[in-house]
Amino acid sequence: MPETADDRKSQLFSLRRHRMDAVKARDRARNYGDIRVCWRSTTIITKFTLLRFFNATGIEKRGELYYHSNSDLESGGGMKRKMVRVNDKTLRLSMAVLCLLALALTVACGGKKAVKPVSPESKLSQEAFAVAEALRVAYVKKEFSAIKEISTVAGFQTIMDSIKNFDSVELTFTPKWVEIDKSLVELNVAWKGTWTVGGEMFAERGMAVFLLEGKPLKLSNVLRGNPFKYPERQ
Protein backbone atom coordinates (compact mmCIF):
# COMPACT_ATOMS: atom_id res chain seq x y z
CA MET A 1 0.00 0.00 0.00
CA PRO A 2 1.52 3.38 -0.97
CA GLU A 3 2.80 5.64 1.78
CA THR A 4 0.69 8.79 1.94
CA ALA A 5 1.42 12.29 3.17
CA ASP A 6 -0.66 11.58 6.28
CA ASP A 7 1.51 8.53 6.99
CA ARG A 8 4.63 10.67 6.75
CA LYS A 9 3.14 13.32 9.04
CA SER A 10 2.25 10.65 11.58
CA GLN A 11 5.81 9.29 11.49
CA LEU A 12 7.23 12.79 11.82
CA PHE A 13 5.01 13.51 14.83
CA SER A 14 6.09 10.27 16.51
CA LEU A 15 9.79 10.82 15.86
CA ARG A 16 9.69 14.49 16.82
CA ARG A 17 8.71 13.51 20.37
CA HIS A 18 11.82 11.37 20.67
CA ARG A 19 14.24 13.59 18.78
CA MET A 20 15.08 15.91 21.68
CA ASP A 21 15.63 12.93 24.00
CA ALA A 22 17.83 11.37 21.33
CA VAL A 23 19.91 14.54 21.02
CA LYS A 24 20.38 14.70 24.80
CA ALA A 25 21.28 11.01 24.95
CA ARG A 26 23.77 11.45 22.11
CA ASP A 27 25.44 14.38 23.88
CA ARG A 28 25.67 12.44 27.15
CA ALA A 29 27.07 9.44 25.30
CA ARG A 30 29.63 11.66 23.58
CA ASN A 31 30.80 12.90 26.98
CA TYR A 32 31.30 9.38 28.32
CA GLY A 33 32.42 7.65 25.12
CA ASP A 34 29.40 5.28 24.93
CA ILE A 35 29.36 4.49 21.21
CA ARG A 36 26.32 2.16 21.38
CA VAL A 37 24.05 4.77 22.94
CA CYS A 38 25.42 7.43 20.62
CA TRP A 39 24.77 5.25 17.54
CA ARG A 40 21.17 4.53 18.56
CA SER A 41 20.54 8.21 19.22
CA THR A 42 22.15 9.26 15.94
CA THR A 43 20.02 6.69 14.09
CA ILE A 44 16.84 8.28 15.43
CA ILE A 45 18.05 11.76 14.49
CA THR A 46 19.02 10.59 10.97
CA LYS A 47 15.67 8.87 10.42
CA PHE A 48 13.90 12.04 11.48
CA THR A 49 16.03 14.04 9.03
CA LEU A 50 15.22 11.63 6.17
CA LEU A 51 11.49 11.86 6.81
CA ARG A 52 11.71 15.65 6.91
CA PHE A 53 13.59 15.51 3.60
CA PHE A 54 10.94 13.28 2.00
CA ASN A 55 8.10 15.38 3.39
CA ALA A 56 9.62 18.64 2.12
CA THR A 57 10.36 17.34 -1.38
CA GLY A 58 7.17 15.33 -1.83
CA ILE A 59 9.01 12.01 -2.25
CA GLU A 60 6.89 8.94 -1.51
CA LYS A 61 7.86 5.29 -1.26
CA ARG A 62 5.91 2.66 -3.19
CA GLY A 63 7.27 -0.80 -2.68
CA GLU A 64 11.01 -0.62 -3.29
CA LEU A 65 10.82 2.47 -5.50
CA TYR A 66 10.61 6.18 -4.68
CA TYR A 67 8.45 8.68 -6.55
CA HIS A 68 8.10 12.45 -6.60
CA SER A 69 4.60 13.90 -6.73
CA ASN A 70 3.97 16.81 -9.11
CA SER A 71 0.77 18.76 -9.77
CA ASP A 72 -0.14 19.75 -13.33
CA LEU A 73 -2.96 22.06 -14.40
CA GLU A 74 -5.77 20.40 -16.32
CA SER A 75 -7.67 22.18 -19.03
CA GLY A 76 -10.67 22.48 -16.72
CA GLY A 77 -8.67 24.41 -14.15
CA GLY A 78 -8.41 21.50 -11.72
CA MET A 79 -5.24 19.97 -10.32
CA LYS A 80 -3.98 16.59 -11.46
CA ARG A 81 -1.49 14.70 -9.27
CA LYS A 82 1.22 12.91 -11.25
CA MET A 83 3.81 10.51 -9.81
CA VAL A 84 7.26 10.76 -11.39
CA ARG A 85 9.91 8.17 -10.54
CA VAL A 86 12.91 9.68 -8.80
CA ASN A 87 16.29 9.12 -10.38
CA ASP A 88 17.86 6.22 -8.43
CA LYS A 89 21.36 7.65 -8.70
CA THR A 90 20.29 11.01 -7.25
CA LEU A 91 18.35 9.37 -4.43
CA ARG A 92 21.21 7.03 -3.55
CA LEU A 93 23.60 9.99 -3.48
CA SER A 94 21.31 11.88 -1.10
CA MET A 95 20.99 8.82 1.13
CA ALA A 96 24.77 8.33 1.13
CA VAL A 97 25.38 11.92 2.21
CA LEU A 98 22.95 11.58 5.11
CA CYS A 99 24.45 8.22 6.16
CA LEU A 100 27.96 9.69 6.08
CA LEU A 101 26.72 12.51 8.28
CA ALA A 102 25.32 9.98 10.76
CA LEU A 103 28.60 8.05 10.71
CA ALA A 104 30.60 11.22 11.35
CA LEU A 105 28.41 12.06 14.33
CA THR A 106 28.88 8.58 15.74
CA VAL A 107 32.66 8.68 15.34
CA ALA A 108 32.67 12.05 17.09
CA CYS A 109 30.90 10.37 20.02
CA GLY A 110 33.70 7.88 20.44
CA GLY A 111 36.16 10.16 22.19
CA LYS A 112 35.72 11.45 25.71
CA LYS A 113 36.10 15.14 26.38
CA ALA A 114 39.43 16.13 27.83
CA VAL A 115 39.26 16.15 31.62
CA LYS A 116 40.74 19.26 33.15
CA PRO A 117 43.15 18.61 36.02
CA VAL A 118 41.71 19.42 39.45
CA SER A 119 43.59 22.15 41.29
CA PRO A 120 44.81 21.60 44.88
CA GLU A 121 42.45 24.36 46.07
CA SER A 122 39.50 22.62 44.45
CA LYS A 123 40.45 19.32 46.08
CA LEU A 124 40.69 20.98 49.49
CA SER A 125 37.31 22.63 48.99
CA GLN A 126 35.66 19.34 48.09
CA GLU A 127 37.29 17.67 51.09
CA ALA A 128 36.02 20.47 53.35
CA PHE A 129 32.48 20.01 52.02
CA ALA A 130 32.70 16.28 52.71
CA VAL A 131 33.88 16.85 56.30
CA ALA A 132 31.02 19.30 56.93
CA GLU A 133 28.46 16.84 55.57
CA ALA A 134 29.90 13.97 57.63
CA LEU A 135 29.77 16.22 60.69
CA ARG A 136 26.12 17.08 60.04
CA VAL A 137 25.09 13.44 59.60
CA ALA A 138 26.94 12.34 62.74
CA TYR A 139 25.33 15.12 64.79
CA VAL A 140 21.81 14.31 63.57
CA LYS A 141 22.33 10.64 64.40
CA LYS A 142 24.04 11.48 67.71
CA GLU A 143 27.06 9.44 66.65
CA PHE A 144 29.61 11.31 68.74
CA SER A 145 32.36 8.78 68.03
CA ALA A 146 32.05 9.69 64.34
CA ILE A 147 32.36 13.38 65.22
CA LYS A 148 35.52 12.60 67.16
CA GLU A 149 37.08 10.85 64.14
CA ILE A 150 36.75 13.93 61.92
CA SER A 151 37.73 16.51 64.56
CA THR A 152 40.91 17.52 66.32
CA VAL A 153 40.97 17.23 70.11
CA ALA A 154 40.14 20.93 70.47
CA GLY A 155 37.45 20.78 67.78
CA PHE A 156 35.75 17.78 69.35
CA GLN A 157 35.79 19.46 72.76
CA THR A 158 34.22 22.61 71.27
CA ILE A 159 31.31 20.63 69.85
CA MET A 160 30.74 18.50 72.94
CA ASP A 161 30.74 21.57 75.18
CA SER A 162 28.12 23.18 72.92
CA ILE A 163 25.70 20.30 72.41
CA LYS A 164 22.32 20.54 74.14
CA ASN A 165 19.94 17.67 74.78
CA PHE A 166 17.38 17.04 72.02
CA ASP A 167 15.10 14.21 70.89
CA SER A 168 15.57 14.75 67.15
CA VAL A 169 16.77 17.37 64.72
CA GLU A 170 16.44 18.21 61.04
CA LEU A 171 19.56 20.12 60.01
CA THR A 172 20.76 21.32 56.62
CA PHE A 173 24.14 22.77 55.67
CA THR A 174 24.66 24.96 52.59
CA PRO A 175 28.35 25.77 51.90
CA LYS A 176 28.73 29.39 50.77
CA TRP A 177 32.45 29.94 50.22
CA VAL A 178 35.86 28.65 51.19
CA GLU A 179 38.99 30.53 52.19
CA ILE A 180 42.28 28.64 52.04
CA ASP A 181 45.50 29.78 53.72
CA LYS A 182 48.13 27.12 53.21
CA SER A 183 46.88 24.14 55.26
CA LEU A 184 44.13 26.08 57.07
CA VAL A 185 40.65 26.03 55.53
CA GLU A 186 37.76 28.29 56.55
CA LEU A 187 34.43 26.93 55.34
CA ASN A 188 31.49 29.33 55.57
CA VAL A 189 28.24 27.40 55.93
CA ALA A 190 24.65 28.64 56.06
CA TRP A 191 22.61 26.29 58.21
CA LYS A 192 18.97 25.78 59.11
CA GLY A 193 17.65 23.43 61.77
CA THR A 194 14.53 22.34 63.65
CA TRP A 195 15.05 20.67 67.02
CA THR A 196 12.41 18.65 68.86
CA VAL A 197 12.54 18.38 72.65
CA GLY A 198 9.71 16.87 74.69
CA GLY A 199 7.17 17.54 71.98
CA GLU A 200 8.27 21.16 71.50
CA MET A 201 9.91 22.33 68.29
CA PHE A 202 12.61 24.99 68.03
CA ALA A 203 13.61 26.44 64.65
CA GLU A 204 16.90 28.27 64.18
CA ARG A 205 19.14 29.37 61.33
CA GLY A 206 22.49 31.05 61.00
CA MET A 207 25.94 31.23 59.43
CA ALA A 208 28.88 29.31 60.84
CA VAL A 209 32.57 29.20 60.00
CA PHE A 210 34.19 25.78 60.28
CA LEU A 211 37.95 25.87 60.73
CA LEU A 212 39.61 22.77 59.30
CA GLU A 213 43.25 21.78 59.23
CA GLY A 214 45.61 18.84 58.78
CA LYS A 215 45.86 15.98 56.31
CA PRO A 216 43.21 14.72 56.06
CA LEU A 217 41.20 17.77 57.05
CA LYS A 218 39.67 17.76 60.52
CA LEU A 219 37.44 20.24 62.30
CA SER A 220 39.46 22.36 64.74
CA ASN A 221 36.93 25.04 65.71
CA VAL A 222 33.47 26.49 65.04
CA LEU A 223 33.13 30.27 64.84
CA ARG A 224 30.19 32.69 64.61
CA GLY A 225 26.77 30.97 64.62
CA ASN A 226 27.50 27.55 66.09
CA PRO A 227 24.63 25.23 65.02
CA PHE A 228 25.52 22.67 67.69
CA LYS A 229 24.58 24.86 70.66
CA TYR A 230 20.86 24.63 70.02
CA PRO A 231 18.10 24.38 71.12
CA GLU A 232 18.34 27.27 73.52
CA ARG A 233 15.22 26.81 75.63
CA GLN A 234 13.74 29.87 77.29
C-alpha atoms as a PDB file:
ATOM      1  CA  MET A   1       0.000   0.000   0.000  1.00  0.00           C
ATOM      2  CA  PRO A   2       1.523   3.384  -0.970  1.00  0.00           C
ATOM      3  CA  GLU A   3       2.800   5.641   1.783  1.00  0.00           C
ATOM      4  CA  THR A   4       0.688   8.793   1.936  1.00  0.00           C
ATOM      5  CA  ALA A   5       1.422  12.294   3.171  1.00  0.00           C
ATOM      6  CA  ASP A   6      -0.657  11.578   6.281  1.00  0.00           C
ATOM      7  CA  ASP A   7       1.509   8.530   6.990  1.00  0.00           C
ATOM      8  CA  ARG A   8       4.633  10.672   6.750  1.00  0.00           C
ATOM      9  CA  LYS A   9       3.138  13.322   9.035  1.00  0.00           C
ATOM     10  CA  SER A  10       2.254  10.651  11.579  1.00  0.00           C
ATOM     11  CA  GLN A  11       5.807   9.286  11.495  1.00  0.00           C
ATOM     12  CA  LEU A  12       7.231  12.794  11.819  1.00  0.00           C
ATOM     13  CA  PHE A  13       5.008  13.510  14.828  1.00  0.00           C
ATOM     14  CA  SER A  14       6.091  10.270  16.507  1.00  0.00           C
ATOM     15  CA  LEU A  15       9.793  10.823  15.861  1.00  0.00           C
ATOM     16  CA  ARG A  16       9.692  14.493  16.816  1.00  0.00           C
ATOM     17  CA  ARG A  17       8.713  13.512  20.370  1.00  0.00           C
ATOM     18  CA  HIS A  18      11.824  11.369  20.673  1.00  0.00           C
ATOM     19  CA  ARG A  19      14.242  13.595  18.781  1.00  0.00           C
ATOM     20  CA  MET A  20      15.076  15.912  21.684  1.00  0.00           C
ATOM     21  CA  ASP A  21      15.630  12.926  23.995  1.00  0.00           C
ATOM     22  CA  ALA A  22      17.832  11.370  21.327  1.00  0.00           C
ATOM     23  CA  VAL A  23      19.910  14.544  21.015  1.00  0.00           C
ATOM     24  CA  LYS A  24      20.384  14.703  24.800  1.00  0.00           C
ATOM     25  CA  ALA A  25      21.282  11.006  24.949  1.00  0.00           C
ATOM     26  CA  ARG A  26      23.775  11.449  22.110  1.00  0.00           C
ATOM     27  CA  ASP A  27      25.443  14.375  23.877  1.00  0.00           C
ATOM     28  CA  ARG A  28      25.672  12.440  27.147  1.00  0.00           C
ATOM     29  CA  ALA A  29      27.070   9.442  25.297  1.00  0.00           C
ATOM     30  CA  ARG A  30      29.628  11.663  23.582  1.00  0.00           C
ATOM     31  CA  ASN A  31      30.802  12.895  26.982  1.00  0.00           C
ATOM     32  CA  TYR A  32      31.303   9.378  28.318  1.00  0.00           C
ATOM     33  CA  GLY A  33      32.423   7.654  25.121  1.00  0.00           C
ATOM     34  CA  ASP A  34      29.405   5.285  24.927  1.00  0.00           C
ATOM     35  CA  ILE A  35      29.359   4.487  21.208  1.00  0.00           C
ATOM     36  CA  ARG A  36      26.324   2.164  21.381  1.00  0.00           C
ATOM     37  CA  VAL A  37      24.050   4.766  22.942  1.00  0.00           C
ATOM     38  CA  CYS A  38      25.422   7.425  20.619  1.00  0.00           C
ATOM     39  CA  TRP A  39      24.775   5.248  17.536  1.00  0.00           C
ATOM     40  CA  ARG A  40      21.165   4.525  18.563  1.00  0.00           C
ATOM     41  CA  SER A  41      20.541   8.214  19.222  1.00  0.00           C
ATOM     42  CA  THR A  42      22.150   9.258  15.945  1.00  0.00           C
ATOM     43  CA  THR A  43      20.017   6.690  14.085  1.00  0.00           C
ATOM     44  CA  ILE A  44      16.835   8.285  15.431  1.00  0.00           C
ATOM     45  CA  ILE A  45      18.050  11.756  14.487  1.00  0.00           C
ATOM     46  CA  THR A  46      19.020  10.590  10.971  1.00  0.00           C
ATOM     47  CA  LYS A  47      15.672   8.872  10.422  1.00  0.00           C
ATOM     48  CA  PHE A  48      13.900  12.043  11.481  1.00  0.00           C
ATOM     49  CA  THR A  49      16.031  14.041   9.030  1.00  0.00           C
ATOM     50  CA  LEU A  50      15.215  11.635   6.170  1.00  0.00           C
ATOM     51  CA  LEU A  51      11.491  11.861   6.810  1.00  0.00           C
ATOM     52  CA  ARG A  52      11.705  15.647   6.913  1.00  0.00           C
ATOM     53  CA  PHE A  53      13.586  15.511   3.595  1.00  0.00           C
ATOM     54  CA  PHE A  54      10.936  13.277   2.003  1.00  0.00           C
ATOM     55  CA  ASN A  55       8.097  15.377   3.385  1.00  0.00           C
ATOM     56  CA  ALA A  56       9.625  18.638   2.119  1.00  0.00           C
ATOM     57  CA  THR A  57      10.359  17.337  -1.380  1.00  0.00           C
ATOM     58  CA  GLY A  58       7.173  15.334  -1.825  1.00  0.00           C
ATOM     59  CA  ILE A  59       9.005  12.011  -2.246  1.00  0.00           C
ATOM     60  CA  GLU A  60       6.891   8.943  -1.512  1.00  0.00           C
ATOM     61  CA  LYS A  61       7.860   5.285  -1.257  1.00  0.00           C
ATOM     62  CA  ARG A  62       5.910   2.656  -3.192  1.00  0.00           C
ATOM     63  CA  GLY A  63       7.275  -0.798  -2.684  1.00  0.00           C
ATOM     64  CA  GLU A  64      11.010  -0.620  -3.289  1.00  0.00           C
ATOM     65  CA  LEU A  65      10.821   2.474  -5.502  1.00  0.00           C
ATOM     66  CA  TYR A  66      10.607   6.184  -4.681  1.00  0.00           C
ATOM     67  CA  TYR A  67       8.454   8.682  -6.552  1.00  0.00           C
ATOM     68  CA  HIS A  68       8.102  12.448  -6.600  1.00  0.00           C
ATOM     69  CA  SER A  69       4.596  13.897  -6.735  1.00  0.00           C
ATOM     70  CA  ASN A  70       3.968  16.814  -9.108  1.00  0.00           C
ATOM     71  CA  SER A  71       0.766  18.760  -9.770  1.00  0.00           C
ATOM     72  CA  ASP A  72      -0.143  19.745 -13.330  1.00  0.00           C
ATOM     73  CA  LEU A  73      -2.962  22.059 -14.400  1.00  0.00           C
ATOM     74  CA  GLU A  74      -5.766  20.395 -16.321  1.00  0.00           C
ATOM     75  CA  SER A  75      -7.671  22.182 -19.031  1.00  0.00           C
ATOM     76  CA  GLY A  76     -10.670  22.483 -16.720  1.00  0.00           C
ATOM     77  CA  GLY A  77      -8.669  24.413 -14.149  1.00  0.00           C
ATOM     78  CA  GLY A  78      -8.411  21.499 -11.719  1.00  0.00           C
ATOM     79  CA  MET A  79      -5.241  19.967 -10.323  1.00  0.00           C
ATOM     80  CA  LYS A  80      -3.981  16.595 -11.463  1.00  0.00           C
ATOM     81  CA  ARG A  81      -1.492  14.698  -9.266  1.00  0.00           C
ATOM     82  CA  LYS A  82       1.215  12.915 -11.251  1.00  0.00           C
ATOM     83  CA  MET A  83       3.813  10.510  -9.807  1.00  0.00           C
ATOM     84  CA  VAL A  84       7.259  10.757 -11.395  1.00  0.00           C
ATOM     85  CA  ARG A  85       9.908   8.167 -10.537  1.00  0.00           C
ATOM     86  CA  VAL A  86      12.910   9.681  -8.801  1.00  0.00           C
ATOM     87  CA  ASN A  87      16.295   9.115 -10.377  1.00  0.00           C
ATOM     88  CA  ASP A  88      17.861   6.218  -8.427  1.00  0.00           C
ATOM     89  CA  LYS A  89      21.356   7.650  -8.698  1.00  0.00           C
ATOM     90  CA  THR A  90      20.289  11.014  -7.249  1.00  0.00           C
ATOM     91  CA  LEU A  91      18.351   9.373  -4.430  1.00  0.00           C
ATOM     92  CA  ARG A  92      21.211   7.025  -3.545  1.00  0.00           C
ATOM     93  CA  LEU A  93      23.596   9.988  -3.483  1.00  0.00           C
ATOM     94  CA  SER A  94      21.309  11.884  -1.097  1.00  0.00           C
ATOM     95  CA  MET A  95      20.993   8.818   1.127  1.00  0.00           C
ATOM     96  CA  ALA A  96      24.766   8.330   1.132  1.00  0.00           C
ATOM     97  CA  VAL A  97      25.378  11.920   2.212  1.00  0.00           C
ATOM     98  CA  LEU A  98      22.954  11.575   5.114  1.00  0.00           C
ATOM     99  CA  CYS A  99      24.451   8.225   6.158  1.00  0.00           C
ATOM    100  CA  LEU A 100      27.961   9.692   6.078  1.00  0.00           C
ATOM    101  CA  LEU A 101      26.718  12.514   8.279  1.00  0.00           C
ATOM    102  CA  ALA A 102      25.320   9.982  10.760  1.00  0.00           C
ATOM    103  CA  LEU A 103      28.596   8.050  10.714  1.00  0.00           C
ATOM    104  CA  ALA A 104      30.598  11.223  11.346  1.00  0.00           C
ATOM    105  CA  LEU A 105      28.412  12.062  14.332  1.00  0.00           C
ATOM    106  CA  THR A 106      28.881   8.575  15.742  1.00  0.00           C
ATOM    107  CA  VAL A 107      32.661   8.683  15.343  1.00  0.00           C
ATOM    108  CA  ALA A 108      32.667  12.050  17.095  1.00  0.00           C
ATOM    109  CA  CYS A 109      30.904  10.374  20.017  1.00  0.00           C
ATOM    110  CA  GLY A 110      33.696   7.875  20.444  1.00  0.00           C
ATOM    111  CA  GLY A 111      36.156  10.157  22.194  1.00  0.00           C
ATOM    112  CA  LYS A 112      35.720  11.450  25.712  1.00  0.00           C
ATOM    113  CA  LYS A 113      36.105  15.136  26.376  1.00  0.00           C
ATOM    114  CA  ALA A 114      39.428  16.128  27.827  1.00  0.00           C
ATOM    115  CA  VAL A 115      39.262  16.150  31.616  1.00  0.00           C
ATOM    116  CA  LYS A 116      40.738  19.264  33.147  1.00  0.00           C
ATOM    117  CA  PRO A 117      43.147  18.610  36.020  1.00  0.00           C
ATOM    118  CA  VAL A 118      41.711  19.420  39.445  1.00  0.00           C
ATOM    119  CA  SER A 119      43.593  22.150  41.290  1.00  0.00           C
ATOM    120  CA  PRO A 120      44.814  21.595  44.881  1.00  0.00           C
ATOM    121  CA  GLU A 121      42.452  24.360  46.065  1.00  0.00           C
ATOM    122  CA  SER A 122      39.496  22.617  44.453  1.00  0.00           C
ATOM    123  CA  LYS A 123      40.451  19.318  46.082  1.00  0.00           C
ATOM    124  CA  LEU A 124      40.692  20.983  49.491  1.00  0.00           C
ATOM    125  CA  SER A 125      37.307  22.634  48.987  1.00  0.00           C
ATOM    126  CA  GLN A 126      35.655  19.337  48.090  1.00  0.00           C
ATOM    127  CA  GLU A 127      37.291  17.670  51.089  1.00  0.00           C
ATOM    128  CA  ALA A 128      36.020  20.471  53.355  1.00  0.00           C
ATOM    129  CA  PHE A 129      32.479  20.013  52.017  1.00  0.00           C
ATOM    130  CA  ALA A 130      32.705  16.281  52.710  1.00  0.00           C
ATOM    131  CA  VAL A 131      33.876  16.848  56.296  1.00  0.00           C
ATOM    132  CA  ALA A 132      31.020  19.296  56.932  1.00  0.00           C
ATOM    133  CA  GLU A 133      28.461  16.839  55.568  1.00  0.00           C
ATOM    134  CA  ALA A 134      29.897  13.972  57.633  1.00  0.00           C
ATOM    135  CA  LEU A 135      29.767  16.225  60.687  1.00  0.00           C
ATOM    136  CA  ARG A 136      26.115  17.083  60.039  1.00  0.00           C
ATOM    137  CA  VAL A 137      25.092  13.444  59.597  1.00  0.00           C
ATOM    138  CA  ALA A 138      26.940  12.344  62.738  1.00  0.00           C
ATOM    139  CA  TYR A 139      25.334  15.122  64.794  1.00  0.00           C
ATOM    140  CA  VAL A 140      21.809  14.315  63.570  1.00  0.00           C
ATOM    141  CA  LYS A 141      22.332  10.636  64.395  1.00  0.00           C
ATOM    142  CA  LYS A 142      24.041  11.478  67.713  1.00  0.00           C
ATOM    143  CA  GLU A 143      27.065   9.435  66.652  1.00  0.00           C
ATOM    144  CA  PHE A 144      29.607  11.308  68.736  1.00  0.00           C
ATOM    145  CA  SER A 145      32.357   8.783  68.033  1.00  0.00           C
ATOM    146  CA  ALA A 146      32.051   9.687  64.335  1.00  0.00           C
ATOM    147  CA  ILE A 147      32.359  13.379  65.218  1.00  0.00           C
ATOM    148  CA  LYS A 148      35.523  12.597  67.159  1.00  0.00           C
ATOM    149  CA  GLU A 149      37.082  10.852  64.144  1.00  0.00           C
ATOM    150  CA  ILE A 150      36.747  13.926  61.921  1.00  0.00           C
ATOM    151  CA  SER A 151      37.733  16.509  64.563  1.00  0.00           C
ATOM    152  CA  THR A 152      40.906  17.518  66.321  1.00  0.00           C
ATOM    153  CA  VAL A 153      40.971  17.233  70.105  1.00  0.00           C
ATOM    154  CA  ALA A 154      40.143  20.931  70.466  1.00  0.00           C
ATOM    155  CA  GLY A 155      37.448  20.785  67.785  1.00  0.00           C
ATOM    156  CA  PHE A 156      35.747  17.778  69.349  1.00  0.00           C
ATOM    157  CA  GLN A 157      35.789  19.460  72.762  1.00  0.00           C
ATOM    158  CA  THR A 158      34.224  22.607  71.273  1.00  0.00           C
ATOM    159  CA  ILE A 159      31.314  20.634  69.854  1.00  0.00           C
ATOM    160  CA  MET A 160      30.741  18.496  72.937  1.00  0.00           C
ATOM    161  CA  ASP A 161      30.738  21.570  75.182  1.00  0.00           C
ATOM    162  CA  SER A 162      28.125  23.177  72.917  1.00  0.00           C
ATOM    163  CA  ILE A 163      25.703  20.298  72.415  1.00  0.00           C
ATOM    164  CA  LYS A 164      22.316  20.537  74.136  1.00  0.00           C
ATOM    165  CA  ASN A 165      19.936  17.671  74.780  1.00  0.00           C
ATOM    166  CA  PHE A 166      17.377  17.037  72.019  1.00  0.00           C
ATOM    167  CA  ASP A 167      15.102  14.214  70.890  1.00  0.00           C
ATOM    168  CA  SER A 168      15.574  14.746  67.154  1.00  0.00           C
ATOM    169  CA  VAL A 169      16.767  17.372  64.724  1.00  0.00           C
ATOM    170  CA  GLU A 170      16.445  18.213  61.043  1.00  0.00           C
ATOM    171  CA  LEU A 171      19.556  20.118  60.011  1.00  0.00           C
ATOM    172  CA  THR A 172      20.763  21.322  56.619  1.00  0.00           C
ATOM    173  CA  PHE A 173      24.145  22.768  55.665  1.00  0.00           C
ATOM    174  CA  THR A 174      24.663  24.956  52.593  1.00  0.00           C
ATOM    175  CA  PRO A 175      28.349  25.772  51.901  1.00  0.00           C
ATOM    176  CA  LYS A 176      28.732  29.389  50.774  1.00  0.00           C
ATOM    177  CA  TRP A 177      32.447  29.943  50.216  1.00  0.00           C
ATOM    178  CA  VAL A 178      35.858  28.653  51.188  1.00  0.00           C
ATOM    179  CA  GLU A 179      38.991  30.527  52.187  1.00  0.00           C
ATOM    180  CA  ILE A 180      42.285  28.640  52.042  1.00  0.00           C
ATOM    181  CA  ASP A 181      45.496  29.783  53.717  1.00  0.00           C
ATOM    182  CA  LYS A 182      48.133  27.118  53.212  1.00  0.00           C
ATOM    183  CA  SER A 183      46.883  24.144  55.257  1.00  0.00           C
ATOM    184  CA  LEU A 184      44.129  26.079  57.067  1.00  0.00           C
ATOM    185  CA  VAL A 185      40.647  26.027  55.531  1.00  0.00           C
ATOM    186  CA  GLU A 186      37.763  28.288  56.548  1.00  0.00           C
ATOM    187  CA  LEU A 187      34.431  26.933  55.336  1.00  0.00           C
ATOM    188  CA  ASN A 188      31.490  29.326  55.568  1.00  0.00           C
ATOM    189  CA  VAL A 189      28.238  27.403  55.931  1.00  0.00           C
ATOM    190  CA  ALA A 190      24.649  28.640  56.055  1.00  0.00           C
ATOM    191  CA  TRP A 191      22.608  26.291  58.214  1.00  0.00           C
ATOM    192  CA  LYS A 192      18.969  25.780  59.111  1.00  0.00           C
ATOM    193  CA  GLY A 193      17.645  23.427  61.771  1.00  0.00           C
ATOM    194  CA  THR A 194      14.531  22.339  63.649  1.00  0.00           C
ATOM    195  CA  TRP A 195      15.054  20.666  67.023  1.00  0.00           C
ATOM    196  CA  THR A 196      12.411  18.645  68.855  1.00  0.00           C
ATOM    197  CA  VAL A 197      12.539  18.381  72.649  1.00  0.00           C
ATOM    198  CA  GLY A 198       9.715  16.867  74.695  1.00  0.00           C
ATOM    199  CA  GLY A 199       7.167  17.539  71.980  1.00  0.00           C
ATOM    200  CA  GLU A 200       8.272  21.155  71.501  1.00  0.00           C
ATOM    201  CA  MET A 201       9.913  22.331  68.290  1.00  0.00           C
ATOM    202  CA  PHE A 202      12.611  24.988  68.032  1.00  0.00           C
ATOM    203  CA  ALA A 203      13.606  26.439  64.653  1.00  0.00           C
ATOM    204  CA  GLU A 204      16.898  28.268  64.182  1.00  0.00           C
ATOM    205  CA  ARG A 205      19.138  29.366  61.332  1.00  0.00           C
ATOM    206  CA  GLY A 206      22.493  31.054  61.003  1.00  0.00           C
ATOM    207  CA  MET A 207      25.936  31.231  59.430  1.00  0.00           C
ATOM    208  CA  ALA A 208      28.884  29.306  60.841  1.00  0.00           C
ATOM    209  CA  VAL A 209      32.567  29.200  60.005  1.00  0.00           C
ATOM    210  CA  PHE A 210      34.186  25.775  60.285  1.00  0.00           C
ATOM    211  CA  LEU A 211      37.949  25.868  60.728  1.00  0.00           C
ATOM    212  CA  LEU A 212      39.610  22.767  59.305  1.00  0.00           C
ATOM    213  CA  GLU A 213      43.253  21.777  59.233  1.00  0.00           C
ATOM    214  CA  GLY A 214      45.610  18.843  58.783  1.00  0.00           C
ATOM    215  CA  LYS A 215      45.860  15.977  56.312  1.00  0.00           C
ATOM    216  CA  PRO A 216      43.208  14.719  56.063  1.00  0.00           C
ATOM    217  CA  LEU A 217      41.198  17.774  57.048  1.00  0.00           C
ATOM    218  CA  LYS A 218      39.673  17.765  60.520  1.00  0.00           C
ATOM    219  CA  LEU A 219      37.444  20.243  62.303  1.00  0.00           C
ATOM    220  CA  SER A 220      39.459  22.363  64.740  1.00  0.00           C
ATOM    221  CA  ASN A 221      36.928  25.036  65.715  1.00  0.00           C
ATOM    222  CA  VAL A 222      33.470  26.485  65.040  1.00  0.00           C
ATOM    223  CA  LEU A 223      33.127  30.272  64.838  1.00  0.00           C
ATOM    224  CA  ARG A 224      30.195  32.686  64.613  1.00  0.00           C
ATOM    225  CA  GLY A 225      26.765  30.975  64.620  1.00  0.00           C
ATOM    226  CA  ASN A 226      27.496  27.549  66.088  1.00  0.00           C
ATOM    227  CA  PRO A 227      24.635  25.227  65.019  1.00  0.00           C
ATOM    228  CA  PHE A 228      25.521  22.674  67.689  1.00  0.00           C
ATOM    229  CA  LYS A 229      24.576  24.861  70.664  1.00  0.00           C
ATOM    230  CA  TYR A 230      20.856  24.631  70.022  1.00  0.00           C
ATOM    231  CA  PRO A 231      18.102  24.380  71.119  1.00  0.00           C
ATOM    232  CA  GLU A 232      18.339  27.269  73.522  1.00  0.00           C
ATOM    233  CA  ARG A 233      15.220  26.811  75.629  1.00  0.00           C
ATOM    234  CA  GLN A 234      13.739  29.871  77.293  1.00  0.00           C
END
